[in-house]
Amino acid sequence: MSAASFTVKPVMQVTRQFASLGNTFTKKAAAAPAKVDTTVQSIHGKSGRKCMLTGKKANNGWTVSFSHIRNKKLQGVNLQYKRVYWPEKQRYIRLRISTKALKTINKVGLEVMAERAGLDLESLPYTDADPARKEWLVENGAAPTKKNKRAPKGPKKLYIPKWKEARMAKQGNAATETKAFAERWGMEVA
């Protein structure tokens, strides 16, 4: 091949080709939102290991040994699940907050801190502490009762182990033994 068969484009021509591509990319980039909403309000309850009121999260650090060998380490925030009393609404709210935030709540107040963090306290799960509300619930027969999710639903089906059935068959009175076994263990005889 000869050197004459290759043609070299001038630099200006190449840059003009890519300049048109650059315009399409900048248009697409401008259409995308400039900022991602990372306020505590948008991620409260969903963010792991982050204080709901102060936004504190883990810090990157090093563990340094005696021989000065460094290893990466995450210095986590001292987060606690805490039932905090909200005096304005007379209710307890469950928050995941740092111990520093606990001290600040005592100093500044819960509503002020939540407002600073952009946290909607109304949307959080709560338990009522208002005595008038509790009285009303008791009077109207709607007192709150906590359900045991693990409690068995209805009587258990009768299950007798094979070795037990064999022993009862040898003794001869299998029907009465089965009934006694079912009563003892709270089972239902079919």
N, C-alpha and C. Protein backbone atom coordinates (compact mmCIF):
# COMPACT_ATOMS: atom_id res chain seq x y z
N MET A 1 0.83 -1.18 0.00
CA MET A 1 0.00 0.00 0.00
C MET A 1 0.87 1.24 0.00
N SER A 2 0.38 2.18 -0.66
CA SER A 2 1.16 3.42 -0.75
C SER A 2 0.59 4.44 0.22
N ALA A 3 1.37 5.40 0.51
CA ALA A 3 0.96 6.46 1.45
C ALA A 3 -0.11 7.34 0.84
N ALA A 4 -0.22 7.33 -0.49
CA ALA A 4 -1.19 8.19 -1.17
C ALA A 4 -2.61 7.65 -1.03
N SER A 5 -2.80 6.33 -0.76
CA SER A 5 -4.14 5.77 -0.68
C SER A 5 -4.87 6.18 0.61
N PHE A 6 -4.13 6.54 1.65
CA PHE A 6 -4.76 7.02 2.90
C PHE A 6 -4.98 8.50 2.82
N THR A 7 -6.16 8.92 3.18
CA THR A 7 -6.41 10.37 3.21
C THR A 7 -6.59 10.78 4.66
N VAL A 8 -5.98 11.84 5.01
CA VAL A 8 -6.07 12.35 6.37
C VAL A 8 -7.01 13.54 6.37
N LYS A 9 -8.04 13.47 7.24
CA LYS A 9 -8.96 14.59 7.33
C LYS A 9 -8.35 15.69 8.19
N PRO A 10 -8.62 16.89 7.85
CA PRO A 10 -8.12 17.98 8.69
C PRO A 10 -8.79 17.95 10.07
N VAL A 11 -8.12 18.48 11.05
CA VAL A 11 -8.60 18.46 12.43
C VAL A 11 -9.92 19.20 12.56
N MET A 12 -10.11 20.27 11.89
CA MET A 12 -11.34 21.07 11.99
C MET A 12 -12.55 20.26 11.56
N GLN A 13 -12.38 19.44 10.50
CA GLN A 13 -13.49 18.64 9.99
C GLN A 13 -13.92 17.61 11.03
N VAL A 14 -12.97 16.95 11.68
CA VAL A 14 -13.26 15.94 12.69
C VAL A 14 -13.98 16.57 13.88
N THR A 15 -13.50 17.71 14.33
CA THR A 15 -14.12 18.34 15.49
C THR A 15 -15.53 18.81 15.17
N ARG A 16 -15.81 19.21 13.93
CA ARG A 16 -17.17 19.61 13.55
C ARG A 16 -18.11 18.42 13.60
N GLN A 17 -17.58 17.24 13.21
CA GLN A 17 -18.41 16.03 13.26
C GLN A 17 -18.86 15.76 14.69
N PHE A 18 -17.94 15.82 15.63
CA PHE A 18 -18.26 15.52 17.01
C PHE A 18 -18.95 16.67 17.73
N ALA A 19 -18.84 17.86 17.20
CA ALA A 19 -19.51 19.01 17.81
C ALA A 19 -21.02 18.84 17.74
N SER A 20 -21.52 18.29 16.63
CA SER A 20 -22.98 18.08 16.52
C SER A 20 -23.43 17.02 17.52
N LEU A 21 -22.59 16.02 17.77
CA LEU A 21 -22.93 15.02 18.79
C LEU A 21 -22.97 15.64 20.18
N GLY A 22 -22.04 16.52 20.44
CA GLY A 22 -21.97 17.17 21.75
C GLY A 22 -23.22 17.96 22.06
N ASN A 23 -23.83 18.59 21.05
CA ASN A 23 -25.05 19.36 21.27
C ASN A 23 -26.19 18.47 21.72
N THR A 24 -26.30 17.26 21.14
CA THR A 24 -27.39 16.37 21.54
C THR A 24 -27.20 15.90 22.98
N PHE A 25 -25.95 15.66 23.38
CA PHE A 25 -25.70 15.23 24.75
C PHE A 25 -26.02 16.33 25.74
N THR A 26 -25.65 17.55 25.43
CA THR A 26 -25.92 18.65 26.36
C THR A 26 -27.42 18.90 26.47
N LYS A 27 -28.18 18.72 25.38
CA LYS A 27 -29.63 18.91 25.44
C LYS A 27 -30.25 17.86 26.36
N LYS A 28 -29.79 16.60 26.26
CA LYS A 28 -30.31 15.54 27.11
C LYS A 28 -29.93 15.77 28.56
N ALA A 29 -28.72 16.25 28.78
CA ALA A 29 -28.26 16.49 30.15
C ALA A 29 -29.04 17.63 30.78
N ALA A 30 -29.40 18.64 29.99
CA ALA A 30 -30.16 19.77 30.52
C ALA A 30 -31.58 19.35 30.88
N ALA A 31 -32.13 18.37 30.18
CA ALA A 31 -33.49 17.92 30.45
C ALA A 31 -33.58 17.13 31.75
N ALA A 32 -32.48 16.48 32.16
CA ALA A 32 -32.48 15.69 33.40
C ALA A 32 -32.53 16.64 34.59
N PRO A 33 -33.15 16.19 35.70
CA PRO A 33 -33.20 17.06 36.87
C PRO A 33 -31.81 17.35 37.41
N ALA A 34 -31.61 18.57 37.84
CA ALA A 34 -30.29 18.99 38.27
C ALA A 34 -29.91 18.38 39.61
N LYS A 35 -30.89 18.17 40.48
CA LYS A 35 -30.58 17.71 41.83
C LYS A 35 -31.49 16.56 42.21
N VAL A 36 -30.93 15.56 42.84
CA VAL A 36 -31.72 14.44 43.33
C VAL A 36 -32.23 14.80 44.72
N ASP A 37 -33.51 14.52 44.97
CA ASP A 37 -34.11 14.85 46.25
C ASP A 37 -33.65 13.85 47.30
N THR A 38 -32.71 14.27 48.14
CA THR A 38 -32.19 13.38 49.18
C THR A 38 -32.54 13.90 50.57
N THR A 39 -33.60 14.67 50.66
CA THR A 39 -34.00 15.16 51.98
C THR A 39 -34.49 13.99 52.82
N VAL A 40 -34.47 14.19 54.10
CA VAL A 40 -34.90 13.13 55.01
C VAL A 40 -36.37 12.80 54.78
N GLN A 41 -37.16 13.81 54.36
CA GLN A 41 -38.59 13.58 54.12
C GLN A 41 -38.81 12.57 53.00
N SER A 42 -38.00 12.64 51.94
CA SER A 42 -38.20 11.75 50.81
C SER A 42 -37.71 10.34 51.09
N ILE A 43 -36.79 10.21 52.04
CA ILE A 43 -36.23 8.88 52.29
C ILE A 43 -36.43 8.40 53.72
N HIS A 44 -37.26 9.11 54.52
CA HIS A 44 -37.37 8.70 55.92
C HIS A 44 -37.99 7.32 56.02
N GLY A 45 -37.41 6.54 56.91
CA GLY A 45 -37.86 5.17 57.07
C GLY A 45 -37.21 4.23 56.08
N LYS A 46 -36.80 4.74 54.92
CA LYS A 46 -36.20 3.89 53.89
C LYS A 46 -34.68 3.90 53.97
N SER A 47 -34.13 5.00 54.49
CA SER A 47 -32.68 5.09 54.52
C SER A 47 -32.15 4.26 55.66
N GLY A 48 -31.16 3.49 55.40
CA GLY A 48 -30.55 2.70 56.46
C GLY A 48 -29.47 3.49 57.15
N ARG A 49 -29.23 3.22 58.40
CA ARG A 49 -28.14 3.78 59.18
C ARG A 49 -27.94 5.28 58.97
N LYS A 50 -29.04 6.02 59.07
CA LYS A 50 -28.98 7.47 58.92
C LYS A 50 -29.95 8.08 59.91
N CYS A 51 -29.53 9.13 60.59
CA CYS A 51 -30.38 9.80 61.57
C CYS A 51 -31.50 10.52 60.86
N MET A 52 -32.73 10.33 61.34
CA MET A 52 -33.89 10.92 60.68
C MET A 52 -33.99 12.42 60.91
N LEU A 53 -33.38 12.93 61.97
CA LEU A 53 -33.48 14.35 62.29
C LEU A 53 -32.26 15.16 61.90
N THR A 54 -31.07 14.61 62.07
CA THR A 54 -29.86 15.38 61.76
C THR A 54 -29.25 14.98 60.43
N GLY A 55 -29.60 13.80 59.90
CA GLY A 55 -29.04 13.34 58.64
C GLY A 55 -27.64 12.76 58.78
N LYS A 56 -27.18 12.54 60.02
CA LYS A 56 -25.84 11.99 60.23
C LYS A 56 -25.77 10.59 59.65
N LYS A 57 -24.63 10.27 59.03
CA LYS A 57 -24.40 8.92 58.53
C LYS A 57 -22.95 8.54 58.74
N ALA A 58 -22.56 7.36 58.34
CA ALA A 58 -21.23 6.83 58.65
C ALA A 58 -20.13 7.67 58.01
N ASN A 59 -18.98 7.67 58.69
CA ASN A 59 -17.81 8.42 58.24
C ASN A 59 -16.72 7.43 57.81
N ASN A 60 -16.03 7.72 56.73
CA ASN A 60 -14.91 6.88 56.30
C ASN A 60 -13.69 7.22 57.13
N GLY A 61 -13.06 6.20 57.66
CA GLY A 61 -11.87 6.43 58.48
C GLY A 61 -10.88 5.30 58.31
N TRP A 62 -9.88 5.29 59.13
CA TRP A 62 -8.84 4.27 59.10
C TRP A 62 -8.65 3.69 60.49
N THR A 63 -8.34 2.38 60.53
CA THR A 63 -7.82 1.81 61.76
C THR A 63 -6.32 1.74 61.56
N VAL A 64 -5.58 2.30 62.48
CA VAL A 64 -4.13 2.34 62.35
C VAL A 64 -3.53 1.45 63.42
N SER A 65 -2.77 0.44 63.00
CA SER A 65 -2.17 -0.50 63.94
C SER A 65 -0.90 0.09 64.53
N PHE A 66 -0.29 -0.64 65.45
CA PHE A 66 0.95 -0.19 66.08
C PHE A 66 2.07 -0.03 65.05
N SER A 67 2.06 -0.91 64.03
CA SER A 67 3.09 -0.82 62.98
C SER A 67 2.70 0.18 61.89
N HIS A 68 1.65 0.94 62.15
CA HIS A 68 1.16 2.01 61.26
C HIS A 68 0.58 1.48 59.95
N ILE A 69 0.12 0.24 59.96
CA ILE A 69 -0.58 -0.29 58.80
C ILE A 69 -2.01 0.23 58.88
N ARG A 70 -2.50 0.77 57.77
CA ARG A 70 -3.84 1.37 57.76
C ARG A 70 -4.83 0.46 57.05
N ASN A 71 -5.98 0.29 57.66
CA ASN A 71 -7.08 -0.44 57.06
C ASN A 71 -8.32 0.43 57.09
N LYS A 72 -9.09 0.37 56.01
CA LYS A 72 -10.29 1.20 55.94
C LYS A 72 -11.32 0.74 56.96
N LYS A 73 -12.05 1.71 57.48
CA LYS A 73 -13.04 1.42 58.51
C LYS A 73 -14.19 2.42 58.39
N LEU A 74 -15.42 1.94 58.56
CA LEU A 74 -16.57 2.84 58.62
C LEU A 74 -16.83 3.17 60.08
N GLN A 75 -16.86 4.44 60.39
CA GLN A 75 -17.20 4.87 61.74
C GLN A 75 -18.69 5.18 61.74
N GLY A 76 -19.46 4.23 62.26
CA GLY A 76 -20.92 4.35 62.21
C GLY A 76 -21.44 5.38 63.20
N VAL A 77 -22.66 5.84 62.93
CA VAL A 77 -23.34 6.77 63.83
C VAL A 77 -23.98 5.96 64.95
N ASN A 78 -24.04 6.52 66.12
CA ASN A 78 -24.69 5.86 67.25
C ASN A 78 -26.20 6.05 67.13
N LEU A 79 -26.84 5.19 66.32
CA LEU A 79 -28.27 5.31 66.07
C LEU A 79 -29.06 4.45 67.05
N GLN A 80 -30.17 5.00 67.48
CA GLN A 80 -31.06 4.29 68.40
C GLN A 80 -32.49 4.45 67.92
N TYR A 81 -33.28 3.37 68.05
CA TYR A 81 -34.72 3.50 67.86
C TYR A 81 -35.28 4.06 69.16
N LYS A 82 -35.97 5.17 69.08
CA LYS A 82 -36.43 5.84 70.29
C LYS A 82 -37.87 6.31 70.14
N ARG A 83 -38.67 6.02 71.18
CA ARG A 83 -40.03 6.55 71.24
C ARG A 83 -39.94 7.94 71.84
N VAL A 84 -40.20 8.96 71.03
CA VAL A 84 -40.07 10.34 71.46
C VAL A 84 -41.46 10.93 71.67
N TYR A 85 -41.65 11.63 72.77
CA TYR A 85 -42.94 12.25 73.07
C TYR A 85 -43.06 13.55 72.30
N TRP A 86 -44.20 13.72 71.62
CA TRP A 86 -44.49 14.94 70.86
C TRP A 86 -45.58 15.68 71.62
N PRO A 87 -45.22 16.70 72.42
CA PRO A 87 -46.19 17.32 73.32
C PRO A 87 -47.32 18.06 72.60
N GLU A 88 -47.06 18.63 71.42
CA GLU A 88 -48.10 19.39 70.72
C GLU A 88 -49.27 18.51 70.31
N LYS A 89 -48.98 17.27 69.90
CA LYS A 89 -50.05 16.35 69.46
C LYS A 89 -50.37 15.29 70.51
N GLN A 90 -49.66 15.33 71.64
CA GLN A 90 -49.83 14.37 72.73
C GLN A 90 -49.77 12.93 72.24
N ARG A 91 -48.65 12.60 71.64
CA ARG A 91 -48.43 11.24 71.15
C ARG A 91 -46.94 10.90 71.18
N TYR A 92 -46.69 9.60 71.15
CA TYR A 92 -45.32 9.11 71.06
C TYR A 92 -45.04 8.71 69.63
N ILE A 93 -43.86 9.10 69.13
CA ILE A 93 -43.46 8.78 67.76
C ILE A 93 -42.18 7.97 67.81
N ARG A 94 -42.11 6.93 67.00
CA ARG A 94 -40.92 6.09 66.96
C ARG A 94 -39.99 6.62 65.87
N LEU A 95 -38.78 7.01 66.28
CA LEU A 95 -37.79 7.56 65.36
C LEU A 95 -36.49 6.77 65.47
N ARG A 96 -35.71 6.80 64.40
CA ARG A 96 -34.35 6.25 64.44
C ARG A 96 -33.41 7.44 64.39
N ILE A 97 -32.87 7.79 65.55
CA ILE A 97 -32.09 9.01 65.65
C ILE A 97 -30.76 8.75 66.35
N SER A 98 -29.81 9.67 66.11
CA SER A 98 -28.51 9.57 66.77
C SER A 98 -28.63 10.08 68.20
N THR A 99 -27.68 9.71 69.03
CA THR A 99 -27.70 10.16 70.42
C THR A 99 -27.46 11.66 70.50
N LYS A 100 -26.76 12.21 69.55
CA LYS A 100 -26.57 13.67 69.48
C LYS A 100 -27.92 14.35 69.23
N ALA A 101 -28.75 13.74 68.37
CA ALA A 101 -30.07 14.31 68.09
C ALA A 101 -30.95 14.27 69.34
N LEU A 102 -30.79 13.24 70.17
CA LEU A 102 -31.56 13.16 71.42
C LEU A 102 -31.28 14.37 72.30
N LYS A 103 -30.01 14.73 72.42
CA LYS A 103 -29.64 15.89 73.23
C LYS A 103 -30.19 17.17 72.61
N THR A 104 -30.15 17.26 71.29
CA THR A 104 -30.63 18.45 70.60
C THR A 104 -32.14 18.59 70.72
N ILE A 105 -32.88 17.47 70.73
CA ILE A 105 -34.33 17.51 70.92
C ILE A 105 -34.65 18.15 72.27
N ASN A 106 -33.90 17.78 73.29
CA ASN A 106 -34.12 18.37 74.62
C ASN A 106 -33.86 19.87 74.62
N LYS A 107 -32.91 20.32 73.82
CA LYS A 107 -32.54 21.72 73.80
C LYS A 107 -33.45 22.55 72.89
N VAL A 108 -33.68 22.07 71.66
CA VAL A 108 -34.38 22.85 70.63
C VAL A 108 -35.87 22.51 70.56
N GLY A 109 -36.19 21.22 70.64
CA GLY A 109 -37.59 20.79 70.50
C GLY A 109 -37.76 19.91 69.29
N LEU A 110 -38.72 19.01 69.37
CA LEU A 110 -38.94 18.01 68.32
C LEU A 110 -39.45 18.64 67.04
N GLU A 111 -40.44 19.52 67.13
CA GLU A 111 -41.03 20.12 65.93
C GLU A 111 -40.03 20.95 65.15
N VAL A 112 -39.21 21.71 65.85
CA VAL A 112 -38.21 22.56 65.19
C VAL A 112 -37.19 21.69 64.45
N MET A 113 -36.75 20.62 65.10
CA MET A 113 -35.77 19.72 64.45
C MET A 113 -36.37 19.04 63.23
N ALA A 114 -37.62 18.59 63.35
CA ALA A 114 -38.28 17.92 62.23
C ALA A 114 -38.47 18.88 61.07
N GLU A 115 -38.78 20.13 61.38
CA GLU A 115 -38.95 21.13 60.33
C GLU A 115 -37.63 21.39 59.60
N ARG A 116 -36.54 21.48 60.38
CA ARG A 116 -35.21 21.67 59.78
C ARG A 116 -34.84 20.51 58.86
N ALA A 117 -35.19 19.30 59.28
CA ALA A 117 -34.84 18.10 58.51
C ALA A 117 -35.81 17.85 57.36
N GLY A 118 -36.95 18.55 57.36
CA GLY A 118 -37.95 18.32 56.33
C GLY A 118 -38.73 17.04 56.56
N LEU A 119 -38.90 16.67 57.83
CA LEU A 119 -39.57 15.42 58.19
C LEU A 119 -41.01 15.70 58.59
N ASP A 120 -41.94 14.94 58.01
CA ASP A 120 -43.35 15.08 58.33
C ASP A 120 -43.68 14.15 59.49
N LEU A 121 -43.84 14.71 60.68
CA LEU A 121 -44.11 13.91 61.88
C LEU A 121 -45.48 13.25 61.84
N GLU A 122 -46.42 13.85 61.12
CA GLU A 122 -47.77 13.31 61.03
C GLU A 122 -47.79 11.95 60.32
N SER A 123 -46.84 11.75 59.40
CA SER A 123 -46.85 10.52 58.60
C SER A 123 -46.21 9.33 59.31
N LEU A 124 -45.61 9.56 60.47
CA LEU A 124 -44.91 8.49 61.19
C LEU A 124 -45.86 7.70 62.07
N PRO A 125 -45.55 6.42 62.31
CA PRO A 125 -46.40 5.63 63.22
C PRO A 125 -46.30 6.18 64.64
N TYR A 126 -47.41 6.13 65.37
CA TYR A 126 -47.43 6.71 66.70
C TYR A 126 -48.34 5.92 67.63
N THR A 127 -48.21 6.22 68.93
CA THR A 127 -49.14 5.72 69.94
C THR A 127 -49.67 6.93 70.69
N ASP A 128 -50.98 6.94 70.94
CA ASP A 128 -51.63 8.06 71.61
C ASP A 128 -51.23 8.13 73.07
N ALA A 129 -51.02 9.36 73.55
CA ALA A 129 -50.73 9.57 74.96
C ALA A 129 -51.77 10.53 75.56
N ASP A 130 -52.75 10.93 74.77
CA ASP A 130 -53.78 11.87 75.22
C ASP A 130 -54.76 11.14 76.14
N PRO A 131 -54.90 11.55 77.40
CA PRO A 131 -55.80 10.84 78.32
C PRO A 131 -57.26 10.90 77.88
N ALA A 132 -57.67 12.01 77.28
CA ALA A 132 -59.06 12.14 76.81
C ALA A 132 -59.35 11.12 75.70
N ARG A 133 -58.39 10.92 74.84
CA ARG A 133 -58.55 9.95 73.74
C ARG A 133 -58.66 8.53 74.29
N LYS A 134 -57.84 8.21 75.29
CA LYS A 134 -57.88 6.88 75.89
C LYS A 134 -59.22 6.63 76.58
N GLU A 135 -59.75 7.64 77.28
CA GLU A 135 -61.06 7.51 77.93
C GLU A 135 -62.15 7.25 76.91
N TRP A 136 -62.12 8.01 75.81
CA TRP A 136 -63.12 7.85 74.77
C TRP A 136 -63.08 6.45 74.19
N LEU A 137 -61.89 5.93 73.97
CA LEU A 137 -61.75 4.58 73.41
C LEU A 137 -62.31 3.54 74.36
N VAL A 138 -62.07 3.71 75.65
CA VAL A 138 -62.58 2.75 76.64
C VAL A 138 -64.10 2.82 76.71
N GLU A 139 -64.67 4.03 76.70
CA GLU A 139 -66.13 4.22 76.77
C GLU A 139 -66.84 3.62 75.56
N ASN A 140 -66.25 3.77 74.40
CA ASN A 140 -66.90 3.30 73.16
C ASN A 140 -66.53 1.87 72.78
N GLY A 141 -65.85 1.19 73.66
CA GLY A 141 -65.53 -0.22 73.43
C GLY A 141 -64.52 -0.45 72.33
N ALA A 142 -63.72 0.54 72.06
CA ALA A 142 -62.71 0.39 71.01
C ALA A 142 -61.32 0.51 71.60
N ALA A 143 -61.16 -0.03 72.81
CA ALA A 143 -59.85 0.04 73.45
C ALA A 143 -58.83 -0.72 72.61
N PRO A 144 -57.65 -0.14 72.41
CA PRO A 144 -56.67 -0.81 71.55
C PRO A 144 -56.17 -2.11 72.17
N THR A 145 -56.22 -3.16 71.38
CA THR A 145 -55.70 -4.45 71.81
C THR A 145 -54.67 -4.90 70.80
N LYS A 146 -53.57 -5.40 71.30
CA LYS A 146 -52.51 -5.85 70.42
C LYS A 146 -52.74 -7.32 70.08
N LYS A 147 -52.73 -7.64 68.80
CA LYS A 147 -52.96 -9.01 68.36
C LYS A 147 -51.66 -9.80 68.42
N ASN A 148 -51.78 -11.05 68.83
CA ASN A 148 -50.63 -11.94 68.80
C ASN A 148 -50.60 -12.60 67.43
N LYS A 149 -49.65 -12.20 66.61
CA LYS A 149 -49.57 -12.71 65.24
C LYS A 149 -49.21 -14.19 65.19
N ARG A 150 -48.57 -14.67 66.24
CA ARG A 150 -48.11 -16.06 66.24
C ARG A 150 -49.09 -17.01 66.90
N ALA A 151 -50.18 -16.48 67.40
CA ALA A 151 -51.17 -17.34 68.06
C ALA A 151 -51.79 -18.26 67.02
N PRO A 152 -52.03 -19.53 67.37
CA PRO A 152 -52.62 -20.45 66.40
C PRO A 152 -54.05 -20.04 66.06
N LYS A 153 -54.40 -20.22 64.82
CA LYS A 153 -55.73 -19.88 64.34
C LYS A 153 -56.59 -21.14 64.38
N GLY A 154 -57.42 -21.26 65.40
CA GLY A 154 -58.28 -22.44 65.54
C GLY A 154 -57.54 -23.59 66.18
N PRO A 155 -58.27 -24.69 66.41
CA PRO A 155 -57.63 -25.84 67.06
C PRO A 155 -56.65 -26.54 66.11
N LYS A 156 -55.66 -27.20 66.70
CA LYS A 156 -54.67 -27.92 65.90
C LYS A 156 -55.28 -29.20 65.35
N LYS A 157 -54.78 -29.61 64.20
CA LYS A 157 -55.20 -30.90 63.63
C LYS A 157 -54.57 -32.01 64.46
N LEU A 158 -55.28 -33.10 64.53
CA LEU A 158 -54.79 -34.22 65.32
C LEU A 158 -53.59 -34.86 64.64
N TYR A 159 -52.49 -34.93 65.37
CA TYR A 159 -51.29 -35.58 64.87
C TYR A 159 -50.75 -36.47 65.98
N ILE A 160 -50.75 -37.76 65.71
CA ILE A 160 -50.19 -38.71 66.67
C ILE A 160 -49.00 -39.37 65.99
N PRO A 161 -47.84 -39.35 66.63
CA PRO A 161 -46.66 -39.98 66.03
C PRO A 161 -46.88 -41.48 65.80
N LYS A 162 -46.20 -42.01 64.80
CA LYS A 162 -46.36 -43.43 64.42
C LYS A 162 -46.08 -44.36 65.59
N TRP A 163 -45.02 -44.06 66.35
CA TRP A 163 -44.66 -44.94 67.45
C TRP A 163 -45.76 -44.95 68.52
N LYS A 164 -46.44 -43.79 68.67
CA LYS A 164 -47.51 -43.70 69.66
C LYS A 164 -48.74 -44.49 69.19
N GLU A 165 -49.04 -44.38 67.88
CA GLU A 165 -50.17 -45.13 67.31
C GLU A 165 -49.94 -46.63 67.46
N ALA A 166 -48.71 -47.08 67.21
CA ALA A 166 -48.38 -48.50 67.33
C ALA A 166 -48.56 -48.97 68.78
N ARG A 167 -48.13 -48.17 69.74
CA ARG A 167 -48.28 -48.53 71.15
C ARG A 167 -49.76 -48.60 71.54
N MET A 168 -50.57 -47.64 71.05
CA MET A 168 -52.00 -47.62 71.38
C MET A 168 -52.71 -48.81 70.74
N ALA A 169 -52.29 -49.21 69.55
CA ALA A 169 -52.90 -50.36 68.87
C ALA A 169 -52.60 -51.65 69.64
N LYS A 170 -51.40 -51.77 70.21
CA LYS A 170 -51.03 -52.95 71.00
C LYS A 170 -51.88 -53.05 72.28
N GLN A 171 -52.15 -51.89 72.90
CA GLN A 171 -52.91 -51.89 74.15
C GLN A 171 -54.39 -52.22 73.91
N GLY A 172 -54.89 -51.97 72.70
CA GLY A 172 -56.26 -52.37 72.36
C GLY A 172 -57.29 -51.25 72.43
N ASN A 173 -57.11 -50.25 73.25
CA ASN A 173 -58.12 -49.19 73.36
C ASN A 173 -57.64 -47.92 72.65
N ALA A 174 -57.49 -47.98 71.35
CA ALA A 174 -56.94 -46.90 70.53
C ALA A 174 -57.87 -45.69 70.50
N ALA A 175 -59.20 -45.90 70.43
CA ALA A 175 -60.15 -44.79 70.31
C ALA A 175 -60.14 -43.92 71.56
N THR A 176 -60.18 -44.54 72.75
CA THR A 176 -60.18 -43.75 73.99
C THR A 176 -58.82 -43.08 74.22
N GLU A 177 -57.74 -43.77 73.86
CA GLU A 177 -56.41 -43.18 73.99
C GLU A 177 -56.23 -41.99 73.05
N THR A 178 -56.77 -42.11 71.83
CA THR A 178 -56.68 -41.03 70.85
C THR A 178 -57.42 -39.80 71.37
N LYS A 179 -58.62 -40.02 71.92
CA LYS A 179 -59.41 -38.92 72.45
C LYS A 179 -58.70 -38.24 73.63
N ALA A 180 -58.13 -39.03 74.53
CA ALA A 180 -57.40 -38.50 75.68
C ALA A 180 -56.16 -37.71 75.23
N PHE A 181 -55.46 -38.23 74.23
CA PHE A 181 -54.27 -37.56 73.68
C PHE A 181 -54.64 -36.21 73.07
N ALA A 182 -55.76 -36.20 72.31
CA ALA A 182 -56.21 -34.96 71.66
C ALA A 182 -56.60 -33.91 72.70
N GLU A 183 -57.29 -34.31 73.76
CA GLU A 183 -57.70 -33.37 74.80
C GLU A 183 -56.48 -32.81 75.55
N ARG A 184 -55.53 -33.68 75.81
CA ARG A 184 -54.34 -33.28 76.55
C ARG A 184 -53.54 -32.20 75.80
N TRP A 185 -53.41 -32.36 74.51
CA TRP A 185 -52.60 -31.45 73.71
C TRP A 185 -53.43 -30.39 72.98
N GLY A 186 -54.71 -30.29 73.27
CA GLY A 186 -55.56 -29.24 72.64
C GLY A 186 -55.74 -29.43 71.16
N MET A 187 -55.96 -30.67 70.73
CA MET A 187 -56.15 -30.97 69.30
C MET A 187 -57.59 -31.36 69.04
N GLU A 188 -57.95 -31.34 67.79
CA GLU A 188 -59.31 -31.63 67.38
C GLU A 188 -59.37 -33.04 66.78
N VAL A 189 -60.29 -33.86 67.31
CA VAL A 189 -60.44 -35.23 66.79
C VAL A 189 -61.37 -35.17 65.58
N ALA A 190 -60.93 -35.74 64.48
CA ALA A 190 -61.73 -35.69 63.25
C ALA A 190 -62.81 -36.75 63.25
